[in-house]
Amino acid sequence: MSKQQLDRFKEAARELGADDDEAKFNEKLGKLVKQKPDAKKDN
């Protein structure tokens, strides 16, 4: 990850209020990112 990309990521985390608390970060991230379904479970 480049320094510029890392800086943008940190700024986005600050804007979401999730940069200081790992639990808050994971909660916010979970709302933004959809997990792919596990293909093995569908079989």
N, C-alpha and C. Protein backbone atom coordinates (compact mmCIF):
# COMPACT_ATOMS: atom_id res chain seq x y z
N MET A 1 0.87 -1.17 0.00
CA MET A 1 0.00 0.00 0.00
C MET A 1 0.91 1.23 0.00
N SER A 2 0.64 2.13 -0.90
CA SER A 2 1.45 3.35 -0.97
C SER A 2 1.10 4.29 0.19
N LYS A 3 2.03 5.19 0.51
CA LYS A 3 1.80 6.15 1.60
C LYS A 3 0.57 7.01 1.31
N GLN A 4 0.41 7.43 0.07
CA GLN A 4 -0.74 8.27 -0.28
C GLN A 4 -2.04 7.49 -0.07
N GLN A 5 -2.07 6.22 -0.47
CA GLN A 5 -3.27 5.41 -0.29
C GLN A 5 -3.55 5.19 1.20
N LEU A 6 -2.49 4.95 1.97
CA LEU A 6 -2.64 4.76 3.41
C LEU A 6 -3.20 6.03 4.06
N ASP A 7 -2.70 7.19 3.65
CA ASP A 7 -3.20 8.45 4.19
C ASP A 7 -4.68 8.65 3.87
N ARG A 8 -5.11 8.29 2.67
CA ARG A 8 -6.53 8.40 2.30
C ARG A 8 -7.38 7.45 3.14
N PHE A 9 -6.86 6.25 3.37
CA PHE A 9 -7.58 5.28 4.18
C PHE A 9 -7.74 5.80 5.61
N LYS A 10 -6.68 6.33 6.19
CA LYS A 10 -6.74 6.85 7.55
C LYS A 10 -7.72 8.01 7.64
N GLU A 11 -7.71 8.88 6.64
CA GLU A 11 -8.64 10.02 6.64
C GLU A 11 -10.09 9.54 6.56
N ALA A 12 -10.35 8.54 5.72
CA ALA A 12 -11.71 7.99 5.61
C ALA A 12 -12.13 7.37 6.95
N ALA A 13 -11.22 6.69 7.62
CA ALA A 13 -11.53 6.10 8.93
C ALA A 13 -11.86 7.19 9.94
N ARG A 14 -11.11 8.27 9.92
CA ARG A 14 -11.39 9.38 10.84
C ARG A 14 -12.77 9.97 10.58
N GLU A 15 -13.11 10.13 9.30
CA GLU A 15 -14.42 10.70 8.95
C GLU A 15 -15.55 9.79 9.43
N LEU A 16 -15.32 8.48 9.45
CA LEU A 16 -16.33 7.54 9.92
C LEU A 16 -16.34 7.43 11.44
N GLY A 17 -15.35 8.05 12.08
CA GLY A 17 -15.26 7.97 13.53
C GLY A 17 -14.81 6.61 14.01
N ALA A 18 -14.06 5.90 13.19
CA ALA A 18 -13.70 4.53 13.52
C ALA A 18 -12.20 4.29 13.57
N ASP A 19 -11.40 5.34 13.69
CA ASP A 19 -9.96 5.13 13.61
C ASP A 19 -9.32 4.80 14.95
N ASP A 20 -9.94 5.12 16.07
CA ASP A 20 -9.31 4.91 17.38
C ASP A 20 -9.76 3.63 18.06
N ASP A 21 -10.91 3.13 17.73
CA ASP A 21 -11.48 1.98 18.42
C ASP A 21 -11.65 0.84 17.42
N GLU A 22 -10.92 -0.26 17.64
CA GLU A 22 -10.96 -1.37 16.70
C GLU A 22 -12.37 -1.95 16.56
N ALA A 23 -13.10 -2.05 17.64
CA ALA A 23 -14.46 -2.60 17.57
C ALA A 23 -15.36 -1.71 16.72
N LYS A 24 -15.26 -0.39 16.91
CA LYS A 24 -16.05 0.54 16.08
C LYS A 24 -15.66 0.41 14.62
N PHE A 25 -14.34 0.31 14.37
CA PHE A 25 -13.86 0.19 13.01
C PHE A 25 -14.46 -1.05 12.35
N ASN A 26 -14.40 -2.18 13.04
CA ASN A 26 -14.92 -3.43 12.47
C ASN A 26 -16.42 -3.35 12.24
N GLU A 27 -17.13 -2.68 13.13
CA GLU A 27 -18.57 -2.51 12.97
C GLU A 27 -18.88 -1.68 11.72
N LYS A 28 -18.18 -0.55 11.57
CA LYS A 28 -18.40 0.31 10.40
C LYS A 28 -17.99 -0.41 9.12
N LEU A 29 -16.86 -1.12 9.18
CA LEU A 29 -16.38 -1.83 8.00
C LEU A 29 -17.38 -2.90 7.58
N GLY A 30 -17.95 -3.58 8.55
CA GLY A 30 -18.94 -4.62 8.26
C GLY A 30 -20.16 -4.07 7.55
N LYS A 31 -20.50 -2.83 7.83
CA LYS A 31 -21.64 -2.20 7.16
C LYS A 31 -21.31 -1.81 5.73
N LEU A 32 -20.03 -1.56 5.46
CA LEU A 32 -19.62 -1.11 4.14
C LEU A 32 -19.28 -2.25 3.19
N VAL A 33 -18.78 -3.34 3.75
CA VAL A 33 -18.26 -4.44 2.93
C VAL A 33 -19.18 -5.64 3.04
N LYS A 34 -19.57 -6.16 1.92
CA LYS A 34 -20.38 -7.37 1.90
C LYS A 34 -19.46 -8.57 1.75
N GLN A 35 -19.69 -9.59 2.56
CA GLN A 35 -18.87 -10.80 2.49
C GLN A 35 -19.39 -11.68 1.36
N LYS A 36 -18.44 -12.27 0.60
CA LYS A 36 -18.83 -13.18 -0.46
C LYS A 36 -19.40 -14.45 0.17
N PRO A 37 -20.43 -15.02 -0.45
CA PRO A 37 -20.96 -16.29 0.08
C PRO A 37 -19.92 -17.40 -0.09
N ASP A 38 -19.90 -18.30 0.84
CA ASP A 38 -18.97 -19.43 0.79
C ASP A 38 -19.52 -20.49 -0.15
N ALA A 39 -18.86 -20.71 -1.27
CA ALA A 39 -19.32 -21.65 -2.28
C ALA A 39 -19.39 -23.07 -1.72
N LYS A 40 -18.54 -23.41 -0.78
CA LYS A 40 -18.52 -24.74 -0.19
C LYS A 40 -19.79 -25.03 0.61
N LYS A 41 -20.36 -24.01 1.22
CA LYS A 41 -21.58 -24.19 2.02
C LYS A 41 -22.79 -24.44 1.15
N ASP A 42 -22.77 -24.02 -0.09
CA ASP A 42 -23.91 -24.17 -0.99
C ASP A 42 -24.02 -25.58 -1.54
N ASN A 43 -23.00 -26.35 -1.45
CA ASN A 43 -23.01 -27.71 -2.02
C ASN A 43 -23.65 -28.71 -1.13
